Amino acid sequence: MARVIAVMSGKGGVGKTTTALNLGVALADFGSLPILLDASRQHPHLGLHLGSTRPEHTIQQVLRGKKKARQTLYSHPTGMRVMQGDVSLERGDNEEDVWNGLGRLLNDLKIESDIIVMDTSPGFGAETQKVIEHASDVLLVTTPDLPAVADSIQFIRMMKKRGKEPAGIILNKVRNDSVEMSRKNIEALLDVPIIGIIPYDDAVRKSLYLRHPVVYTHPQSRATNGFKKLTARLLGEQYEETLEKKEQGSLFAHTLRQLGLERPDEEHRA
């Protein structure tokens, strides 16, 4: 039976979509055959992160019975497959009712893959409740600041009222400075273990510019190491860090060289 992981958050802006995307790439690096599903009705941004603003096939088409699940899967160079959402402002009537077919869609995808990662809308709305119903694991993404943690507390309370709780917390954009909330305090407030720490890394911004996940564009970055540590923990495997100061083989450095934009000291930057 395929594992279904829902990447969720109490609020927007904490890096949930970036986390889901890079988790998919890292899972492929570990030998899995992941499918990344855009299960966000309100904010289907996976395609935007991958440079695809007008996909020919979308999850909405499958949910409406117009396409088969296999027909809508896009292959990424990393080996993961992606089912995008419709980013248009007008998606048709009864959009919320369409998402009642999510369970059927996931059953179809379980034949195609051993692990499915779902990116979701922020907050605890009706559609996220449907996602939680079908998820094997819920991973809650937050940043180490009070507003994000406060929204995470509310999210967890709502889950517990329905007899569920997150499998773990992913702490994102961590700077390790004096104004951040500490890991110890966050775990105490949320009463859920932190299973992944992703450092703040300028490589993530560069990867967004390149429209590819940072695990793919900057394989030796600090953020990539964070995502791979998280993935190893989810899979119960060991991961040895490969963090280096130079990223000569990164897609970003290669692209700059091809464009003739790389400065002499570019390859030595963290």
Protein backbone atom coordinates (compact mmCIF):
# COMPACT_ATOMS: atom_id res chain seq x y z
CA MET A 1 0.00 0.00 0.00
CA ALA A 2 1.37 3.38 -1.03
CA ARG A 3 2.14 5.93 1.65
CA VAL A 4 0.30 9.26 1.40
CA ILE A 5 2.06 12.25 2.99
CA ALA A 6 0.21 15.55 3.33
CA VAL A 7 2.38 18.65 3.75
CA MET A 8 0.28 21.25 5.56
CA SER A 9 0.57 24.55 7.44
CA GLY A 10 -1.48 26.73 9.73
CA LYS A 11 -0.75 29.82 7.63
CA GLY A 12 0.68 30.83 4.29
CA GLY A 13 4.21 32.05 3.68
CA VAL A 14 6.03 29.42 5.75
CA GLY A 15 7.40 27.49 2.75
CA LYS A 16 4.89 24.64 2.57
CA THR A 17 4.93 24.26 -1.22
CA THR A 18 8.73 24.53 -1.31
CA THR A 19 8.88 21.81 1.33
CA ALA A 20 6.50 19.48 -0.52
CA LEU A 21 8.37 20.00 -3.78
CA ASN A 22 11.81 19.31 -2.35
CA LEU A 23 10.55 16.37 -0.33
CA GLY A 24 9.42 14.83 -3.61
CA VAL A 25 12.85 15.30 -5.19
CA ALA A 26 14.64 13.96 -2.11
CA LEU A 27 12.40 10.88 -2.07
CA ALA A 28 13.38 10.21 -5.69
CA ASP A 29 17.05 10.55 -4.72
CA PHE A 30 16.50 7.88 -2.07
CA GLY A 31 15.12 5.48 -4.67
CA SER A 32 11.38 5.99 -4.26
CA LEU A 33 9.01 6.69 -7.15
CA PRO A 34 7.14 9.66 -5.72
CA ILE A 35 4.11 11.42 -7.12
CA LEU A 36 3.69 15.04 -6.08
CA LEU A 37 0.05 16.08 -6.03
CA ASP A 38 -1.22 19.66 -5.99
CA ALA A 39 -4.12 19.21 -3.57
CA SER A 40 -4.53 22.93 -2.93
CA ARG A 41 -7.84 24.21 -4.28
CA GLN A 42 -7.24 27.81 -3.26
CA HIS A 43 -3.52 28.15 -3.99
CA PRO A 44 -2.33 25.56 -6.56
CA HIS A 45 1.24 26.81 -6.85
CA LEU A 46 3.27 23.70 -7.65
CA GLY A 47 3.24 24.52 -11.34
CA LEU A 48 4.37 28.08 -10.65
CA HIS A 49 7.38 26.74 -8.76
CA LEU A 50 8.22 24.57 -11.77
CA GLY A 51 7.74 27.25 -14.41
CA SER A 52 4.45 25.77 -15.68
CA THR A 53 1.70 28.37 -15.51
CA ARG A 54 -0.75 26.80 -17.96
CA PRO A 55 -0.61 23.00 -17.69
CA GLU A 56 -2.53 21.08 -20.31
CA HIS A 57 -3.74 18.54 -17.76
CA THR A 58 -4.71 19.25 -14.14
CA ILE A 59 -5.98 17.50 -11.04
CA GLN A 60 -9.34 19.23 -11.51
CA GLN A 61 -9.82 17.41 -14.82
CA VAL A 62 -9.28 14.07 -13.09
CA LEU A 63 -11.60 14.93 -10.21
CA ARG A 64 -14.31 15.87 -12.72
CA GLY A 65 -13.85 12.59 -14.57
CA LYS A 66 -12.52 14.20 -17.75
CA LYS A 67 -9.04 12.63 -17.54
CA LYS A 68 -7.45 9.50 -16.14
CA ALA A 69 -4.92 10.02 -13.37
CA ARG A 70 -2.05 8.61 -15.43
CA GLN A 71 -2.75 11.09 -18.25
CA THR A 72 -2.15 14.12 -16.02
CA LEU A 73 1.24 13.17 -14.57
CA TYR A 74 4.21 15.27 -15.66
CA SER A 75 7.70 13.79 -15.34
CA HIS A 76 10.38 15.92 -13.72
CA PRO A 77 14.09 15.38 -14.57
CA THR A 78 14.65 14.14 -11.01
CA GLY A 79 12.38 11.14 -11.46
CA MET A 80 9.37 12.33 -9.52
CA ARG A 81 6.04 12.83 -11.25
CA VAL A 82 3.80 15.83 -10.67
CA MET A 83 0.04 16.34 -10.97
CA GLN A 84 -0.53 20.07 -11.20
CA GLY A 85 -3.50 22.19 -10.23
CA ASP A 86 -5.43 24.74 -12.24
CA VAL A 87 -4.01 28.18 -11.44
CA SER A 88 -6.70 30.07 -13.37
CA LEU A 89 -9.01 32.32 -11.38
CA GLU A 90 -12.15 30.72 -12.81
CA ARG A 91 -12.25 26.99 -12.15
CA GLY A 92 -15.95 26.29 -12.60
CA ASP A 93 -18.93 25.87 -10.34
CA ASN A 94 -19.16 23.55 -7.33
CA GLU A 95 -15.37 23.49 -7.06
CA GLU A 96 -15.50 22.36 -3.45
CA ASP A 97 -17.79 19.44 -4.30
CA VAL A 98 -15.29 18.27 -6.90
CA TRP A 99 -12.77 17.53 -4.14
CA ASN A 100 -15.03 14.83 -2.75
CA GLY A 101 -13.39 12.63 -5.38
CA LEU A 102 -9.93 12.94 -3.81
CA GLY A 103 -10.08 9.49 -2.23
CA ARG A 104 -10.85 7.86 -5.56
CA LEU A 105 -7.99 9.75 -7.21
CA LEU A 106 -5.53 8.66 -4.53
CA ASN A 107 -6.58 5.04 -4.96
CA ASP A 108 -5.78 5.31 -8.67
CA LEU A 109 -2.38 6.89 -7.94
CA LYS A 110 -1.46 4.22 -5.40
CA ILE A 111 -1.18 1.81 -8.32
CA GLU A 112 1.34 4.15 -9.95
CA SER A 113 3.63 4.91 -7.01
CA ASP A 114 4.91 3.74 -3.63
CA ILE A 115 4.62 7.20 -2.09
CA ILE A 116 2.41 10.23 -2.75
CA VAL A 117 3.16 13.71 -1.44
CA MET A 118 0.30 16.22 -1.33
CA ASP A 119 0.79 19.97 -1.23
CA THR A 120 -2.27 21.59 0.36
CA SER A 121 -3.90 24.92 1.08
CA PRO A 122 -2.84 26.69 4.28
CA GLY A 123 -5.22 26.74 7.22
CA PHE A 124 -7.87 24.28 8.33
CA GLY A 125 -10.65 24.57 5.76
CA ALA A 126 -13.04 22.00 4.34
CA GLU A 127 -10.62 20.89 1.63
CA THR A 128 -7.74 20.36 4.05
CA GLN A 129 -10.01 18.24 6.22
CA LYS A 130 -10.64 16.01 3.20
CA VAL A 131 -6.88 15.72 2.66
CA ILE A 132 -6.31 14.76 6.29
CA GLU A 133 -8.90 12.00 6.02
CA HIS A 134 -6.89 10.28 3.29
CA ALA A 135 -3.33 10.97 4.50
CA SER A 136 -1.10 8.35 6.08
CA ASP A 137 1.07 11.10 7.59
CA VAL A 138 0.45 14.81 8.09
CA LEU A 139 3.60 16.95 8.24
CA LEU A 140 3.03 20.46 9.58
CA VAL A 141 5.36 23.19 8.31
CA THR A 142 6.04 26.27 10.42
CA THR A 143 8.67 28.94 10.82
CA PRO A 144 10.28 29.78 14.20
CA ASP A 145 8.22 32.90 14.87
CA LEU A 146 5.22 33.43 17.12
CA PRO A 147 2.48 34.08 14.49
CA ALA A 148 3.32 30.90 12.56
CA VAL A 149 3.60 28.81 15.72
CA ALA A 150 0.33 30.24 17.07
CA ASP A 151 -1.47 29.22 13.86
CA SER A 152 0.13 25.79 14.12
CA ILE A 153 -1.28 25.42 17.63
CA GLN A 154 -4.77 26.12 16.31
CA PHE A 155 -4.25 23.70 13.42
CA ILE A 156 -3.18 20.90 15.75
CA ARG A 157 -6.14 21.54 18.06
CA MET A 158 -8.53 21.21 15.12
CA MET A 159 -6.87 17.96 14.06
CA LYS A 160 -7.08 16.51 17.56
CA LYS A 161 -10.78 17.30 17.74
CA ARG A 162 -11.14 14.96 14.78
CA GLY A 163 -9.05 12.25 16.38
CA LYS A 164 -5.81 12.92 14.48
CA GLU A 165 -2.55 14.78 14.93
CA PRO A 166 0.55 15.55 12.83
CA ALA A 167 3.26 12.93 12.49
CA GLY A 168 5.80 15.70 12.97
CA ILE A 169 6.75 19.35 12.62
CA ILE A 170 9.04 20.71 9.92
CA LEU A 171 10.77 23.88 11.10
CA ASN A 172 11.57 25.96 8.04
CA LYS A 173 13.68 29.08 7.32
CA VAL A 174 15.73 28.65 10.49
CA ARG A 175 18.42 31.30 10.99
CA ASN A 176 19.53 30.28 14.49
CA ASP A 177 19.60 33.87 15.67
CA SER A 178 18.60 35.42 18.99
CA VAL A 179 15.13 36.56 17.90
CA GLU A 180 13.85 33.15 16.81
CA MET A 181 11.79 30.89 19.01
CA SER A 182 13.88 27.96 20.20
CA ARG A 183 13.25 24.42 19.08
CA LYS A 184 12.63 23.41 22.71
CA ASN A 185 9.94 26.06 23.18
CA ILE A 186 8.25 25.25 19.88
CA GLU A 187 8.05 21.55 20.68
CA ALA A 188 6.71 22.36 24.15
CA LEU A 189 3.99 24.61 22.73
CA LEU A 190 2.95 22.28 19.91
CA ASP A 191 3.41 19.01 21.81
CA VAL A 192 4.52 17.42 18.52
CA PRO A 193 8.12 16.43 17.72
CA ILE A 194 10.17 18.43 15.25
CA ILE A 195 11.34 15.90 12.67
CA GLY A 196 13.01 18.26 10.21
CA ILE A 197 14.91 21.54 10.37
CA ILE A 198 15.46 23.44 7.13
CA PRO A 199 17.92 26.34 7.46
CA TYR A 200 17.30 29.67 5.82
CA ASP A 201 19.33 29.46 2.62
CA ASP A 202 19.68 31.92 -0.25
CA ALA A 203 19.96 28.91 -2.55
CA VAL A 204 16.19 28.45 -2.16
CA ARG A 205 15.55 31.89 -3.67
CA LYS A 206 17.91 31.07 -6.52
CA SER A 207 16.11 27.79 -7.17
CA LEU A 208 12.77 29.61 -7.35
CA TYR A 209 14.27 31.87 -10.00
CA LEU A 210 15.37 28.78 -11.94
CA ARG A 211 11.93 27.15 -11.52
CA HIS A 212 13.34 23.95 -10.08
CA PRO A 213 13.57 22.53 -6.54
CA VAL A 214 16.68 23.48 -4.55
CA VAL A 215 17.51 19.80 -3.99
CA TYR A 216 17.93 19.61 -7.76
CA THR A 217 19.58 22.98 -8.48
CA HIS A 218 21.86 23.13 -5.43
CA PRO A 219 22.51 19.54 -4.31
CA GLN A 220 25.16 20.54 -1.78
CA SER A 221 23.37 23.48 -0.19
CA ARG A 222 22.40 23.73 3.47
CA ALA A 223 18.71 23.61 2.57
CA THR A 224 19.21 20.46 0.51
CA ASN A 225 20.92 18.77 3.44
CA GLY A 226 17.98 19.71 5.62
CA PHE A 227 15.47 18.22 3.18
CA LYS A 228 17.50 15.05 2.78
CA LYS A 229 17.85 14.59 6.54
CA LEU A 230 14.08 14.94 6.81
CA THR A 231 13.52 12.43 4.01
CA ALA A 232 15.92 9.92 5.54
CA ARG A 233 14.07 10.15 8.84
CA LEU A 234 10.71 9.59 7.13
CA LEU A 235 12.08 6.53 5.36
CA GLY A 236 13.99 5.21 8.36
CA GLU A 237 17.29 5.44 6.50
CA GLN A 238 20.69 6.96 7.20
CA TYR A 239 21.91 10.08 5.47
CA GLU A 240 25.45 11.40 5.46
CA GLU A 241 25.81 15.12 4.86
CA THR A 242 27.60 16.24 1.71
CA LEU A 243 27.64 19.95 2.45
CA GLU A 244 30.53 21.70 0.77
CA LYS A 245 31.46 25.32 0.21
CA LYS A 246 31.67 24.94 -3.55
CA GLU A 247 28.71 24.12 -5.77
CA GLN A 248 30.43 23.93 -9.12
CA GLY A 249 28.10 21.20 -10.32
CA SER A 250 24.87 22.96 -9.39
CA LEU A 251 22.30 23.77 -12.05
CA PHE A 252 22.37 27.41 -10.96
CA ALA A 253 26.12 27.77 -11.53
CA HIS A 254 25.83 25.93 -14.84
CA THR A 255 23.02 28.24 -16.00
CA LEU A 256 25.01 31.35 -15.09
CA ARG A 257 28.02 30.06 -17.00
CA GLN A 258 25.86 29.34 -20.05
CA LEU A 259 24.51 32.89 -19.95
CA GLY A 260 27.93 34.38 -19.35
CA LEU A 261 26.73 35.95 -16.11
CA GLU A 262 28.92 34.18 -13.57
CA ARG A 263 31.37 36.40 -11.75
CA PRO A 264 34.83 34.99 -11.02
CA ASP A 265 34.00 34.46 -7.34
CA GLU A 266 30.46 33.11 -7.91
CA GLU A 267 31.32 29.48 -7.44
CA HIS A 268 32.85 30.20 -4.02
CA ARG A 269 29.71 31.68 -2.53
CA ALA A 270 27.73 29.69 0.03
